[in-house]
Amino acid sequence: MEFAPSPENPWDAASATDRPESPTVLTVAVYPDRTVVRAFDVLTGGQVNEAALGNPLYRG
């Protein structure tokens, strides 16, 4: 995903906003005791980050 250059001076390459290195996609896995969210790099397929949130109401 690319971002547009600055509207004040669209021909100045240095005025462009920062672009991410590579786009990511999020996956969400829901289990009875927790929810896990993972971020993957779209271009390489490698996992970038993972976050897990426990379910306090789970009585397993």
N, C-alpha and C. Protein backbone atom coordinates (compact mmCIF):
# COMPACT_ATOMS: atom_id res chain seq x y z
N MET A 1 0.85 -1.16 0.00
CA MET A 1 0.00 0.00 0.00
C MET A 1 0.89 1.22 0.00
N GLU A 2 0.67 2.11 -0.92
CA GLU A 2 1.46 3.34 -0.99
C GLU A 2 0.60 4.52 -0.59
N PHE A 3 1.26 5.48 0.00
CA PHE A 3 0.59 6.70 0.41
C PHE A 3 0.96 7.81 -0.56
N ALA A 4 0.05 8.73 -0.74
CA ALA A 4 0.26 9.81 -1.69
C ALA A 4 1.27 10.82 -1.19
N PRO A 5 1.91 11.53 -2.11
CA PRO A 5 2.82 12.60 -1.70
C PRO A 5 2.05 13.76 -1.07
N SER A 6 2.78 14.66 -0.53
CA SER A 6 2.18 15.81 0.13
C SER A 6 1.36 16.62 -0.86
N PRO A 7 0.13 17.03 -0.50
CA PRO A 7 -0.69 17.81 -1.43
C PRO A 7 -0.12 19.20 -1.71
N GLU A 8 0.72 19.73 -0.82
CA GLU A 8 1.30 21.06 -1.04
C GLU A 8 2.29 21.05 -2.19
N ASN A 9 3.08 19.98 -2.31
CA ASN A 9 4.07 19.89 -3.37
C ASN A 9 4.14 18.43 -3.84
N PRO A 10 3.25 18.01 -4.73
CA PRO A 10 3.19 16.61 -5.12
C PRO A 10 4.40 16.13 -5.92
N TRP A 11 5.22 17.06 -6.45
CA TRP A 11 6.38 16.64 -7.24
C TRP A 11 7.62 16.45 -6.39
N ASP A 12 7.55 16.77 -5.11
CA ASP A 12 8.71 16.61 -4.23
C ASP A 12 8.68 15.22 -3.61
N ALA A 13 9.61 14.37 -4.02
CA ALA A 13 9.65 12.99 -3.51
C ALA A 13 9.92 12.95 -2.01
N ALA A 14 10.64 13.92 -1.49
CA ALA A 14 10.96 13.93 -0.06
C ALA A 14 9.75 14.27 0.79
N SER A 15 8.68 14.79 0.18
CA SER A 15 7.50 15.17 0.95
C SER A 15 6.52 14.01 1.11
N ALA A 16 6.80 12.87 0.51
CA ALA A 16 5.89 11.73 0.61
C ALA A 16 5.85 11.21 2.04
N THR A 17 4.69 10.74 2.43
CA THR A 17 4.57 10.19 3.78
C THR A 17 5.31 8.85 3.85
N ASP A 18 5.62 8.43 5.06
CA ASP A 18 6.32 7.16 5.24
C ASP A 18 5.45 6.01 4.77
N ARG A 19 6.09 5.05 4.10
CA ARG A 19 5.39 3.87 3.65
C ARG A 19 5.84 2.68 4.49
N PRO A 20 4.94 1.76 4.81
CA PRO A 20 5.36 0.58 5.54
C PRO A 20 6.27 -0.29 4.69
N GLU A 21 7.11 -1.08 5.34
CA GLU A 21 8.02 -1.96 4.61
C GLU A 21 7.24 -2.97 3.78
N SER A 22 6.22 -3.54 4.36
CA SER A 22 5.41 -4.53 3.67
C SER A 22 4.04 -4.56 4.33
N PRO A 23 2.99 -4.76 3.56
CA PRO A 23 1.66 -4.83 4.18
C PRO A 23 1.50 -6.10 5.00
N THR A 24 0.64 -6.05 5.99
CA THR A 24 0.38 -7.22 6.83
C THR A 24 -1.09 -7.58 6.77
N VAL A 25 -1.36 -8.80 7.13
CA VAL A 25 -2.74 -9.29 7.23
C VAL A 25 -2.90 -9.88 8.62
N LEU A 26 -4.08 -9.68 9.21
CA LEU A 26 -4.37 -10.20 10.55
C LEU A 26 -5.25 -11.43 10.45
N THR A 27 -4.96 -12.42 11.30
CA THR A 27 -5.84 -13.58 11.44
C THR A 27 -6.31 -13.63 12.89
N VAL A 28 -7.53 -14.09 13.09
CA VAL A 28 -8.11 -14.18 14.43
C VAL A 28 -8.55 -15.62 14.64
N ALA A 29 -8.06 -16.23 15.70
CA ALA A 29 -8.47 -17.58 16.08
C ALA A 29 -9.15 -17.50 17.44
N VAL A 30 -10.40 -17.97 17.51
CA VAL A 30 -11.17 -17.90 18.74
C VAL A 30 -11.30 -19.30 19.32
N TYR A 31 -10.81 -19.47 20.55
CA TYR A 31 -10.89 -20.71 21.30
C TYR A 31 -11.76 -20.46 22.53
N PRO A 32 -12.28 -21.50 23.18
CA PRO A 32 -13.11 -21.27 24.36
C PRO A 32 -12.39 -20.51 25.47
N ASP A 33 -11.10 -20.73 25.63
CA ASP A 33 -10.37 -20.10 26.74
C ASP A 33 -9.58 -18.87 26.36
N ARG A 34 -9.42 -18.60 25.06
CA ARG A 34 -8.62 -17.44 24.65
C ARG A 34 -8.92 -17.07 23.20
N THR A 35 -8.50 -15.87 22.81
CA THR A 35 -8.55 -15.39 21.43
C THR A 35 -7.13 -15.01 21.04
N VAL A 36 -6.69 -15.48 19.90
CA VAL A 36 -5.32 -15.23 19.44
C VAL A 36 -5.39 -14.46 18.12
N VAL A 37 -4.68 -13.33 18.07
CA VAL A 37 -4.59 -12.51 16.86
C VAL A 37 -3.14 -12.56 16.38
N ARG A 38 -2.96 -12.90 15.11
CA ARG A 38 -1.62 -12.99 14.55
C ARG A 38 -1.53 -12.08 13.34
N ALA A 39 -0.36 -11.45 13.17
CA ALA A 39 -0.09 -10.61 12.00
C ALA A 39 0.95 -11.31 11.14
N PHE A 40 0.68 -11.39 9.84
CA PHE A 40 1.60 -12.01 8.91
C PHE A 40 1.99 -11.03 7.83
N ASP A 41 3.26 -11.09 7.41
CA ASP A 41 3.76 -10.28 6.31
C ASP A 41 3.20 -10.83 5.01
N VAL A 42 2.58 -9.98 4.20
CA VAL A 42 1.94 -10.43 2.97
C VAL A 42 2.96 -10.91 1.94
N LEU A 43 4.08 -10.25 1.85
CA LEU A 43 5.06 -10.59 0.81
C LEU A 43 5.87 -11.83 1.13
N THR A 44 6.25 -12.02 2.40
CA THR A 44 7.08 -13.17 2.76
C THR A 44 6.29 -14.30 3.38
N GLY A 45 5.12 -14.01 3.93
CA GLY A 45 4.33 -15.04 4.60
C GLY A 45 4.77 -15.31 6.03
N GLY A 46 5.80 -14.62 6.49
CA GLY A 46 6.30 -14.83 7.85
C GLY A 46 5.43 -14.14 8.89
N GLN A 47 5.41 -14.74 10.07
CA GLN A 47 4.64 -14.15 11.17
C GLN A 47 5.38 -12.96 11.74
N VAL A 48 4.67 -11.84 11.91
CA VAL A 48 5.26 -10.61 12.40
C VAL A 48 5.03 -10.46 13.90
N ASN A 49 3.79 -10.73 14.34
CA ASN A 49 3.44 -10.49 15.72
C ASN A 49 2.28 -11.41 16.11
N GLU A 50 2.13 -11.61 17.44
CA GLU A 50 1.03 -12.42 17.95
C GLU A 50 0.58 -11.85 19.29
N ALA A 51 -0.73 -11.80 19.49
CA ALA A 51 -1.28 -11.34 20.76
C ALA A 51 -2.37 -12.31 21.17
N ALA A 52 -2.37 -12.69 22.45
CA ALA A 52 -3.39 -13.60 22.97
C ALA A 52 -4.12 -12.93 24.12
N LEU A 53 -5.43 -13.08 24.14
CA LEU A 53 -6.26 -12.51 25.19
C LEU A 53 -7.06 -13.64 25.81
N GLY A 54 -6.89 -13.85 27.11
CA GLY A 54 -7.60 -14.92 27.80
C GLY A 54 -9.04 -14.55 28.06
N ASN A 55 -9.89 -15.57 28.15
CA ASN A 55 -11.30 -15.39 28.44
C ASN A 55 -11.51 -15.60 29.95
N PRO A 56 -11.79 -14.55 30.71
CA PRO A 56 -11.93 -14.71 32.17
C PRO A 56 -13.18 -15.49 32.58
N LEU A 57 -14.13 -15.67 31.68
CA LEU A 57 -15.36 -16.39 32.01
C LEU A 57 -15.26 -17.89 31.72
N TYR A 58 -14.14 -18.32 31.14
CA TYR A 58 -13.98 -19.74 30.80
C TYR A 58 -13.77 -20.56 32.07
N ARG A 59 -14.54 -21.63 32.21
CA ARG A 59 -14.45 -22.52 33.37
C ARG A 59 -14.17 -23.94 32.88
N GLY A 60 -12.95 -24.18 32.39
CA GLY A 60 -12.63 -25.47 31.80
C GLY A 60 -11.89 -26.39 32.61
